[in-house]
PDB file of N, CA and C in Angstrom:
ATOM      1  N   MET A   1       0.839  -1.169   0.000  1.00  0.00           N
ATOM      2  CA  MET A   1       0.000   0.000   0.000  1.00  0.00           C
ATOM      3  C   MET A   1       0.889   1.240   0.000  1.00  0.00           C
ATOM      4  N   ALA A   2       0.647   2.144  -0.873  1.00  0.00           N
ATOM      5  CA  ALA A   2       1.458   3.351  -1.005  1.00  0.00           C
ATOM      6  C   ALA A   2       1.044   4.387   0.042  1.00  0.00           C
ATOM      7  N   PRO A   3       1.979   5.248   0.432  1.00  0.00           N
ATOM      8  CA  PRO A   3       1.619   6.295   1.385  1.00  0.00           C
ATOM      9  C   PRO A   3       0.650   7.286   0.755  1.00  0.00           C
ATOM     10  N   LYS A   4      -0.148   7.930   1.595  1.00  0.00           N
ATOM     11  CA  LYS A   4      -1.141   8.875   1.088  1.00  0.00           C
ATOM     12  C   LYS A   4      -0.485  10.155   0.572  1.00  0.00           C
ATOM     13  N   THR A   5       0.610  10.557   1.210  1.00  0.00           N
ATOM     14  CA  THR A   5       1.298  11.773   0.805  1.00  0.00           C
ATOM     15  C   THR A   5       2.789  11.514   0.712  1.00  0.00           C
ATOM     16  N   LYS A   6       3.489  12.517   0.205  1.00  0.00           N
ATOM     17  CA  LYS A   6       4.928  12.419   0.093  1.00  0.00           C
ATOM     18  C   LYS A   6       5.544  12.432   1.489  1.00  0.00           C
ATOM     19  N   GLU A   7       6.590  11.660   1.671  1.00  0.00           N
ATOM     20  CA  GLU A   7       7.253  11.596   2.975  1.00  0.00           C
ATOM     21  C   GLU A   7       8.097  12.857   3.188  1.00  0.00           C
ATOM     22  N   ILE A   8       8.053  13.396   4.391  1.00  0.00           N
ATOM     23  CA  ILE A   8       8.838  14.583   4.737  1.00  0.00           C
ATOM     24  C   ILE A   8      10.296  14.157   4.898  1.00  0.00           C
ATOM     25  N   SER A   9      11.220  14.927   4.333  1.00  0.00           N
ATOM     26  CA  SER A   9      12.634  14.564   4.398  1.00  0.00           C
ATOM     27  C   SER A   9      13.156  14.645   5.831  1.00  0.00           C
ATOM     28  N   LEU A  10      14.234  13.925   6.077  1.00  0.00           N
ATOM     29  CA  LEU A  10      14.831  13.894   7.406  1.00  0.00           C
ATOM     30  C   LEU A  10      15.342  15.277   7.813  1.00  0.00           C
ATOM     31  N   ASP A  11      15.920  16.018   6.866  1.00  0.00           N
ATOM     32  CA  ASP A  11      16.394  17.370   7.154  1.00  0.00           C
ATOM     33  C   ASP A  11      15.245  18.289   7.571  1.00  0.00           C
ATOM     34  N   MET A  12      14.123  18.166   6.879  1.00  0.00           N
ATOM     35  CA  MET A  12      12.964  18.994   7.192  1.00  0.00           C
ATOM     36  C   MET A  12      12.430  18.649   8.586  1.00  0.00           C
ATOM     37  N   ARG A  13      12.402  17.352   8.921  1.00  0.00           N
ATOM     38  CA  ARG A  13      11.923  16.939  10.241  1.00  0.00           C
ATOM     39  C   ARG A  13      12.845  17.464  11.343  1.00  0.00           C
ATOM     40  N   LYS A  14      14.155  17.431  11.091  1.00  0.00           N
ATOM     41  CA  LYS A  14      15.102  17.974  12.075  1.00  0.00           C
ATOM     42  C   LYS A  14      14.908  19.470  12.240  1.00  0.00           C
ATOM     43  N   HIS A  15      14.654  20.163  11.137  1.00  0.00           N
ATOM     44  CA  HIS A  15      14.423  21.607  11.178  1.00  0.00           C
ATOM     45  C   HIS A  15      13.161  21.925  11.988  1.00  0.00           C
ATOM     46  N   ILE A  16      12.131  21.131  11.833  1.00  0.00           N
ATOM     47  CA  ILE A  16      10.880  21.327  12.585  1.00  0.00           C
ATOM     48  C   ILE A  16      11.142  21.174  14.078  1.00  0.00           C
ATOM     49  N   THR A  17      11.908  20.144  14.458  1.00  0.00           N
ATOM     50  CA  THR A  17      12.191  19.945  15.882  1.00  0.00           C
ATOM     51  C   THR A  17      13.053  21.074  16.440  1.00  0.00           C
ATOM     52  N   GLU A  18      13.996  21.570  15.642  1.00  0.00           N
ATOM     53  CA  GLU A  18      14.824  22.703  16.096  1.00  0.00           C
ATOM     54  C   GLU A  18      13.958  23.934  16.344  1.00  0.00           C
ATOM     55  N   LEU A  19      13.006  24.195  15.443  1.00  0.00           N
ATOM     56  CA  LEU A  19      12.119  25.337  15.631  1.00  0.00           C
ATOM     57  C   LEU A  19      11.231  25.154  16.856  1.00  0.00           C
ATOM     58  N   SER A  20      10.789  23.925  17.112  1.00  0.00           N
ATOM     59  CA  SER A  20       9.931  23.703  18.274  1.00  0.00           C
ATOM     60  C   SER A  20      10.720  23.843  19.572  1.00  0.00           C
ATOM     61  N   ILE A  21      12.001  23.488  19.545  1.00  0.00           N
ATOM     62  CA  ILE A  21      12.852  23.660  20.727  1.00  0.00           C
ATOM     63  C   ILE A  21      13.046  25.153  21.019  1.00  0.00           C
ATOM     64  N   LYS A  22      13.073  25.968  19.955  1.00  0.00           N
ATOM     65  CA  LYS A  22      13.206  27.426  20.117  1.00  0.00           C
ATOM     66  C   LYS A  22      11.881  28.072  20.527  1.00  0.00           C
ATOM     67  N   LYS A  23      10.911  27.235  20.899  1.00  0.00           N
ATOM     68  CA  LYS A  23       9.596  27.690  21.390  1.00  0.00           C
ATOM     69  C   LYS A  23       8.740  28.348  20.314  1.00  0.00           C
ATOM     70  N   GLU A  24       8.906  27.928  19.063  1.00  0.00           N
ATOM     71  CA  GLU A  24       8.030  28.430  18.004  1.00  0.00           C
ATOM     72  C   GLU A  24       6.678  27.717  18.116  1.00  0.00           C
ATOM     73  N   ASN A  25       5.629  28.425  17.782  1.00  0.00           N
ATOM     74  CA  ASN A  25       4.280  27.895  17.756  1.00  0.00           C
ATOM     75  C   ASN A  25       4.160  26.920  16.574  1.00  0.00           C
ATOM     76  N   LEU A  26       3.377  25.849  16.723  1.00  0.00           N
ATOM     77  CA  LEU A  26       3.223  24.878  15.630  1.00  0.00           C
ATOM     78  C   LEU A  26       2.621  25.516  14.384  1.00  0.00           C
ATOM     79  N   ARG A  27       1.709  26.435  14.566  1.00  0.00           N
ATOM     80  CA  ARG A  27       1.128  27.123  13.402  1.00  0.00           C
ATOM     81  C   ARG A  27       2.183  27.969  12.698  1.00  0.00           C
ATOM     82  N   GLU A  28       3.044  28.617  13.469  1.00  0.00           N
ATOM     83  CA  GLU A  28       4.103  29.429  12.874  1.00  0.00           C
ATOM     84  C   GLU A  28       5.108  28.537  12.132  1.00  0.00           C
ATOM     85  N   ILE A  29       5.431  27.382  12.729  1.00  0.00           N
ATOM     86  CA  ILE A  29       6.331  26.436  12.059  1.00  0.00           C
ATOM     87  C   ILE A  29       5.729  25.982  10.734  1.00  0.00           C
ATOM     88  N   GLY A  30       4.443  25.668  10.753  1.00  0.00           N
ATOM     89  CA  GLY A  30       3.754  25.262   9.534  1.00  0.00           C
ATOM     90  C   GLY A  30       3.774  26.343   8.474  1.00  0.00           C
ATOM     91  N   ASN A  31       3.564  27.590   8.886  1.00  0.00           N
ATOM     92  CA  ASN A  31       3.584  28.703   7.935  1.00  0.00           C
ATOM     93  C   ASN A  31       4.977  28.938   7.374  1.00  0.00           C
ATOM     94  N   ILE A  32       5.991  28.839   8.223  1.00  0.00           N
ATOM     95  CA  ILE A  32       7.367  29.060   7.777  1.00  0.00           C
ATOM     96  C   ILE A  32       7.781  28.012   6.749  1.00  0.00           C
ATOM     97  N   LEU A  33       7.450  26.750   7.026  1.00  0.00           N
ATOM     98  CA  LEU A  33       7.913  25.643   6.184  1.00  0.00           C
ATOM     99  C   LEU A  33       6.885  25.185   5.156  1.00  0.00           C
ATOM    100  N   LYS A  34       5.760  25.888   5.069  1.00  0.00           N
ATOM    101  CA  LYS A  34       4.691  25.561   4.106  1.00  0.00           C
ATOM    102  C   LYS A  34       4.152  24.141   4.331  1.00  0.00           C
ATOM    103  N   LEU A  35       3.911  23.819   5.615  1.00  0.00           N
ATOM    104  CA  LEU A  35       3.321  22.536   5.999  1.00  0.00           C
ATOM    105  C   LEU A  35       2.086  22.811   6.843  1.00  0.00           C
ATOM    106  N   SER A  36       1.245  21.811   6.996  1.00  0.00           N
ATOM    107  CA  SER A  36       0.123  21.980   7.910  1.00  0.00           C
ATOM    108  C   SER A  36       0.644  21.889   9.344  1.00  0.00           C
ATOM    109  N   PHE A  37      -0.038  22.557  10.258  1.00  0.00           N
ATOM    110  CA  PHE A  37       0.434  22.537  11.643  1.00  0.00           C
ATOM    111  C   PHE A  37       0.264  21.159  12.260  1.00  0.00           C
ATOM    112  N   THR A  38      -0.679  20.359  11.751  1.00  0.00           N
ATOM    113  CA  THR A  38      -0.838  19.004  12.287  1.00  0.00           C
ATOM    114  C   THR A  38       0.355  18.127  11.916  1.00  0.00           C
ATOM    115  N   THR A  39       0.894  18.318  10.721  1.00  0.00           N
ATOM    116  CA  THR A  39       2.090  17.575  10.313  1.00  0.00           C
ATOM    117  C   THR A  39       3.246  17.936  11.222  1.00  0.00           C
ATOM    118  N   ALA A  40       3.429  19.235  11.458  1.00  0.00           N
ATOM    119  CA  ALA A  40       4.495  19.679  12.363  1.00  0.00           C
ATOM    120  C   ALA A  40       4.258  19.113  13.760  1.00  0.00           C
ATOM    121  N   GLY A  41       3.019  19.089  14.182  1.00  0.00           N
ATOM    122  CA  GLY A  41       2.682  18.561  15.510  1.00  0.00           C
ATOM    123  C   GLY A  41       3.006  17.083  15.646  1.00  0.00           C
ATOM    124  N   HIS A  42       2.700  16.308  14.608  1.00  0.00           N
ATOM    125  CA  HIS A  42       3.004  14.877  14.640  1.00  0.00           C
ATOM    126  C   HIS A  42       4.504  14.635  14.719  1.00  0.00           C
ATOM    127  N   ILE A  43       5.262  15.421  13.982  1.00  0.00           N
ATOM    128  CA  ILE A  43       6.720  15.254  13.979  1.00  0.00           C
ATOM    129  C   ILE A  43       7.302  15.629  15.345  1.00  0.00           C
ATOM    130  N   VAL A  44       6.821  16.722  15.924  1.00  0.00           N
ATOM    131  CA  VAL A  44       7.300  17.134  17.245  1.00  0.00           C
ATOM    132  C   VAL A  44       6.913  16.097  18.297  1.00  0.00           C
ATOM    133  N   LYS A  45       5.697  15.573  18.213  1.00  0.00           N
ATOM    134  CA  LYS A  45       5.238  14.560  19.171  1.00  0.00           C
ATOM    135  C   LYS A  45       6.112  13.307  19.081  1.00  0.00           C
ATOM    136  N   LYS A  46       6.427  12.891  17.868  1.00  0.00           N
ATOM    137  CA  LYS A  46       7.285  11.727  17.674  1.00  0.00           C
ATOM    138  C   LYS A  46       8.668  11.976  18.270  1.00  0.00           C
ATOM    139  N   TYR A  47       9.176  13.190  18.083  1.00  0.00           N
ATOM    140  CA  TYR A  47      10.490  13.539  18.619  1.00  0.00           C
ATOM    141  C   TYR A  47      10.479  13.504  20.149  1.00  0.00           C
ATOM    142  N   LEU A  48       9.425  14.031  20.753  1.00  0.00           N
ATOM    143  CA  LEU A  48       9.345  14.057  22.211  1.00  0.00           C
ATOM    144  C   LEU A  48       9.204  12.651  22.793  1.00  0.00           C
ATOM    145  N   GLU A  49       8.494  11.765  22.105  1.00  0.00           N
ATOM    146  CA  GLU A  49       8.285  10.403  22.605  1.00  0.00           C
ATOM    147  C   GLU A  49       9.514   9.515  22.412  1.00  0.00           C
ATOM    148  N   THR A  50      10.164   9.623  21.257  1.00  0.00           N
ATOM    149  CA  THR A  50      11.249   8.695  20.934  1.00  0.00           C
ATOM    150  C   THR A  50      12.632   9.329  21.017  1.00  0.00           C
ATOM    151  N   GLY A  51      12.709  10.651  20.968  1.00  0.00           N
ATOM    152  CA  GLY A  51      13.999  11.316  20.966  1.00  0.00           C
ATOM    153  C   GLY A  51      14.658  11.332  19.597  1.00  0.00           C
ATOM    154  N   SER A  52      13.934  10.902  18.579  1.00  0.00           N
ATOM    155  CA  SER A  52      14.470  10.847  17.221  1.00  0.00           C
ATOM    156  C   SER A  52      13.354  11.145  16.227  1.00  0.00           C
ATOM    157  N   VAL A  53      13.731  11.610  15.045  1.00  0.00           N
ATOM    158  CA  VAL A  53      12.743  11.845  13.997  1.00  0.00           C
ATOM    159  C   VAL A  53      12.924  10.856  12.846  1.00  0.00           C
ATOM    160  N   GLU A  54      13.804   9.870  13.035  1.00  0.00           N
ATOM    161  CA  GLU A  54      14.054   8.882  11.984  1.00  0.00           C
ATOM    162  C   GLU A  54      12.892   7.907  11.877  1.00  0.00           C
ATOM    163  N   ASN A  55      12.728   7.325  10.684  1.00  0.00           N
ATOM    164  CA  ASN A  55      11.668   6.362  10.459  1.00  0.00           C
ATOM    165  C   ASN A  55      11.971   5.054  11.172  1.00  0.00           C
ATOM    166  N   LYS A  56      10.910   4.392  11.623  1.00  0.00           N
ATOM    167  CA  LYS A  56      11.065   3.064  12.186  1.00  0.00           C
ATOM    168  C   LYS A  56      11.261   2.085  11.036  1.00  0.00           C
ATOM    169  N   PRO A  57      11.887   0.941  11.306  1.00  0.00           N
ATOM    170  CA  PRO A  57      12.014  -0.040  10.227  1.00  0.00           C
ATOM    171  C   PRO A  57      10.636  -0.525   9.776  1.00  0.00           C
ATOM    172  N   ARG A  58      10.490  -0.701   8.500  1.00  0.00           N
ATOM    173  CA  ARG A  58       9.203  -1.129   7.959  1.00  0.00           C
ATOM    174  C   ARG A  58       9.116  -2.645   7.951  1.00  0.00           C
ATOM    175  N   PRO A  59       7.899  -3.176   8.038  1.00  0.00           N
ATOM    176  CA  PRO A  59       7.747  -4.627   8.099  1.00  0.00           C
ATOM    177  C   PRO A  59       7.988  -5.292   6.750  1.00  0.00           C
ATOM    178  N   GLY A  60       8.193  -6.579   6.809  1.00  0.00           N
ATOM    179  CA  GLY A  60       8.335  -7.352   5.584  1.00  0.00           C
ATOM    180  C   GLY A  60       9.717  -7.943   5.457  1.00  0.00           C
ATOM    181  N   GLY A  61       9.766  -9.093   4.847  1.00  0.00           N
ATOM    182  CA  GLY A  61      11.035  -9.775   4.657  1.00  0.00           C
ATOM    183  C   GLY A  61      11.695  -9.360   3.364  1.00  0.00           C
ATOM    184  N   PRO A  62      12.903  -9.847   3.143  1.00  0.00           N
ATOM    185  CA  PRO A  62      13.597  -9.526   1.896  1.00  0.00           C
ATOM    186  C   PRO A  62      12.943 -10.208   0.692  1.00  0.00           C
ATOM    187  N   ARG A  63      13.157  -9.674  -0.460  1.00  0.00           N
ATOM    188  CA  ARG A  63      12.599 -10.227  -1.691  1.00  0.00           C
ATOM    189  C   ARG A  63      13.222 -11.592  -1.975  1.00  0.00           C
ATOM    190  N   LYS A  64      12.409 -12.507  -2.456  1.00  0.00           N
ATOM    191  CA  LYS A  64      12.897 -13.844  -2.788  1.00  0.00           C
ATOM    192  C   LYS A  64      13.486 -13.885  -4.196  1.00  0.00           C
ATOM    193  N   LEU A  65      12.917 -13.098  -5.097  1.00  0.00           N
ATOM    194  CA  LEU A  65      13.372 -13.094  -6.492  1.00  0.00           C
ATOM    195  C   LEU A  65      14.020 -11.756  -6.831  1.00  0.00           C
ATOM    196  N   THR A  66      15.045 -11.818  -7.632  1.00  0.00           N
ATOM    197  CA  THR A  66      15.642 -10.596  -8.147  1.00  0.00           C
ATOM    198  C   THR A  66      14.793 -10.107  -9.314  1.00  0.00           C
ATOM    199  N   SER A  67      15.018  -8.887  -9.731  1.00  0.00           N
ATOM    200  CA  SER A  67      14.250  -8.360 -10.863  1.00  0.00           C
ATOM    201  C   SER A  67      14.576  -9.156 -12.132  1.00  0.00           C
ATOM    202  N   ARG A  68      15.811  -9.632 -12.242  1.00  0.00           N
ATOM    203  CA  ARG A  68      16.203 -10.424 -13.402  1.00  0.00           C
ATOM    204  C   ARG A  68      15.441 -11.749 -13.428  1.00  0.00           C
ATOM    205  N   ALA A  69      15.315 -12.396 -12.269  1.00  0.00           N
ATOM    206  CA  ALA A  69      14.586 -13.666 -12.192  1.00  0.00           C
ATOM    207  C   ALA A  69      13.104 -13.460 -12.529  1.00  0.00           C
ATOM    208  N   LYS A  70      12.527 -12.359 -12.054  1.00  0.00           N
ATOM    209  CA  LYS A  70      11.127 -12.065 -12.380  1.00  0.00           C
ATOM    210  C   LYS A  70      10.937 -11.916 -13.883  1.00  0.00           C
ATOM    211  N   ARG A  71      11.836 -11.164 -14.524  1.00  0.00           N
ATOM    212  CA  ARG A  71      11.738 -10.971 -15.976  1.00  0.00           C
ATOM    213  C   ARG A  71      11.861 -12.299 -16.706  1.00  0.00           C
ATOM    214  N   MET A  72      12.748 -13.174 -16.219  1.00  0.00           N
ATOM    215  CA  MET A  72      12.945 -14.470 -16.848  1.00  0.00           C
ATOM    216  C   MET A  72      11.673 -15.328 -16.751  1.00  0.00           C
ATOM    217  N   ILE A  73      11.020 -15.301 -15.593  1.00  0.00           N
ATOM    218  CA  ILE A  73       9.783 -16.067 -15.406  1.00  0.00           C
ATOM    219  C   ILE A  73       8.687 -15.528 -16.322  1.00  0.00           C
ATOM    220  N   VAL A  74       8.539 -14.221 -16.387  1.00  0.00           N
ATOM    221  CA  VAL A  74       7.512 -13.611 -17.244  1.00  0.00           C
ATOM    222  C   VAL A  74       7.788 -13.941 -18.699  1.00  0.00           C
ATOM    223  N   ARG A  75       9.044 -13.851 -19.103  1.00  0.00           N
ATOM    224  CA  ARG A  75       9.400 -14.134 -20.493  1.00  0.00           C
ATOM    225  C   ARG A  75       9.087 -15.581 -20.855  1.00  0.00           C
ATOM    226  N   SER A  76       9.441 -16.513 -19.972  1.00  0.00           N
ATOM    227  CA  SER A  76       9.195 -17.922 -20.299  1.00  0.00           C
ATOM    228  C   SER A  76       7.701 -18.234 -20.294  1.00  0.00           C
ATOM    229  N   SER A  77       6.925 -17.564 -19.426  1.00  0.00           N
ATOM    230  CA  SER A  77       5.483 -17.837 -19.411  1.00  0.00           C
ATOM    231  C   SER A  77       4.775 -17.209 -20.614  1.00  0.00           C
ATOM    232  N   THR A  78       5.277 -16.089 -21.129  1.00  0.00           N
ATOM    233  CA  THR A  78       4.646 -15.493 -22.306  1.00  0.00           C
ATOM    234  C   THR A  78       5.057 -16.219 -23.580  1.00  0.00           C
ATOM    235  N   ASN A  79       6.294 -16.745 -23.613  1.00  0.00           N
ATOM    236  CA  ASN A  79       6.728 -17.486 -24.797  1.00  0.00           C
ATOM    237  C   ASN A  79       6.011 -18.827 -24.919  1.00  0.00           C
ATOM    238  N   LYS A  80       5.797 -19.490 -23.772  1.00  0.00           N
ATOM    239  CA  LYS A  80       5.099 -20.780 -23.761  1.00  0.00           C
ATOM    240  C   LYS A  80       3.957 -20.711 -22.749  1.00  0.00           C
ATOM    241  N   PRO A  81       2.799 -20.202 -23.153  1.00  0.00           N
ATOM    242  CA  PRO A  81       1.714 -19.995 -22.194  1.00  0.00           C
ATOM    243  C   PRO A  81       1.136 -21.286 -21.597  1.00  0.00           C
ATOM    244  N   MET A  82       1.329 -22.413 -22.231  1.00  0.00           N
ATOM    245  CA  MET A  82       0.766 -23.664 -21.714  1.00  0.00           C
ATOM    246  C   MET A  82       1.714 -24.367 -20.736  1.00  0.00           C
ATOM    247  N   THR A  83       2.870 -23.786 -20.445  1.00  0.00           N
ATOM    248  CA  THR A  83       3.817 -24.393 -19.516  1.00  0.00           C
ATOM    249  C   THR A  83       3.337 -24.181 -18.082  1.00  0.00           C
ATOM    250  N   SER A  84       3.461 -25.227 -17.269  1.00  0.00           N
ATOM    251  CA  SER A  84       3.013 -25.124 -15.876  1.00  0.00           C
ATOM    252  C   SER A  84       4.035 -24.344 -15.050  1.00  0.00           C
ATOM    253  N   ALA A  85       3.586 -23.884 -13.902  1.00  0.00           N
ATOM    254  CA  ALA A  85       4.465 -23.137 -13.010  1.00  0.00           C
ATOM    255  C   ALA A  85       5.611 -24.019 -12.525  1.00  0.00           C
ATOM    256  N   GLN A  86       5.335 -25.285 -12.302  1.00  0.00           N
ATOM    257  CA  GLN A  86       6.370 -26.207 -11.851  1.00  0.00           C
ATOM    258  C   GLN A  86       7.470 -26.360 -12.906  1.00  0.00           C
ATOM    259  N   ASN A  87       7.065 -26.459 -14.177  1.00  0.00           N
ATOM    260  CA  ASN A  87       8.062 -26.565 -15.248  1.00  0.00           C
ATOM    261  C   ASN A  87       8.901 -25.280 -15.367  1.00  0.00           C
ATOM    262  N   ILE A  88       8.265 -24.142 -15.193  1.00  0.00           N
ATOM    263  CA  ILE A  88       9.004 -22.883 -15.245  1.00  0.00           C
ATOM    264  C   ILE A  88       9.998 -22.820 -14.085  1.00  0.00           C
ATOM    265  N   ALA A  89       9.573 -23.267 -12.902  1.00  0.00           N
ATOM    266  CA  ALA A  89      10.466 -23.271 -11.743  1.00  0.00           C
ATOM    267  C   ALA A  89      11.635 -24.221 -11.975  1.00  0.00           C
ATOM    268  N   ASN A  90      11.366 -25.388 -12.556  1.00  0.00           N
ATOM    269  CA  ASN A  90      12.442 -26.341 -12.838  1.00  0.00           C
ATOM    270  C   ASN A  90      13.405 -25.768 -13.874  1.00  0.00           C
ATOM    271  N   GLU A  91      12.865 -25.095 -14.881  1.00  0.00           N
ATOM    272  CA  GLU A  91      13.697 -24.448 -15.898  1.00  0.00           C
ATOM    273  C   GLU A  91      14.610 -23.417 -15.265  1.00  0.00           C
ATOM    274  N   ARG A  92      14.042 -22.634 -14.381  1.00  0.00           N
ATOM    275  CA  ARG A  92      14.767 -21.554 -13.727  1.00  0.00           C
ATOM    276  C   ARG A  92      15.894 -22.109 -12.865  1.00  0.00           C
ATOM    277  N   THR A  93      15.632 -23.165 -12.102  1.00  0.00           N
ATOM    278  CA  THR A  93      16.679 -23.718 -11.233  1.00  0.00           C
ATOM    279  C   THR A  93      17.774 -24.375 -12.054  1.00  0.00           C
ATOM    280  N   SER A  94      17.425 -24.958 -13.191  1.00  0.00           N
ATOM    281  CA  SER A  94      18.458 -25.589 -14.013  1.00  0.00           C
ATOM    282  C   SER A  94      19.370 -24.536 -14.654  1.00  0.00           C
ATOM    283  N   VAL A  95      18.839 -23.337 -14.917  1.00  0.00           N
ATOM    284  CA  VAL A  95      19.642 -22.262 -15.501  1.00  0.00           C
ATOM    285  C   VAL A  95      20.583 -21.692 -14.429  1.00  0.00           C
ATOM    286  N   ILE A  96      20.108 -21.586 -13.208  1.00  0.00           N
ATOM    287  CA  ILE A  96      20.904 -21.006 -12.127  1.00  0.00           C
ATOM    288  C   ILE A  96      22.050 -21.932 -11.731  1.00  0.00           C
ATOM    289  N   MET A  97      21.771 -23.243 -11.688  1.00  0.00           N
ATOM    290  CA  MET A  97      22.793 -24.193 -11.269  1.00  0.00           C
ATOM    291  C   MET A  97      23.750 -24.455 -12.355  1.00  0.00           C
TER     292      MET A  97
END
């Protein structure tokens, strides 16, 4: 699932926290940086709770197939549409080994 909006850069988040430490109002921070005050508020809240503005690690494991392997599977399935998935997998492993 894609994010709803563009992610705020790390430099911008650090700048927001620096302004909040200087006792700037969240609305003023939003006006200065052309952001909504709620966005600035969320970033400041995260900084106060965790002491950092860096992103948490995202869930999910590493990819099983490389982009090259994906292209190879698609190519073999389009060239021979009646080939089963098992045969394509066997073809792929024989090429790798």
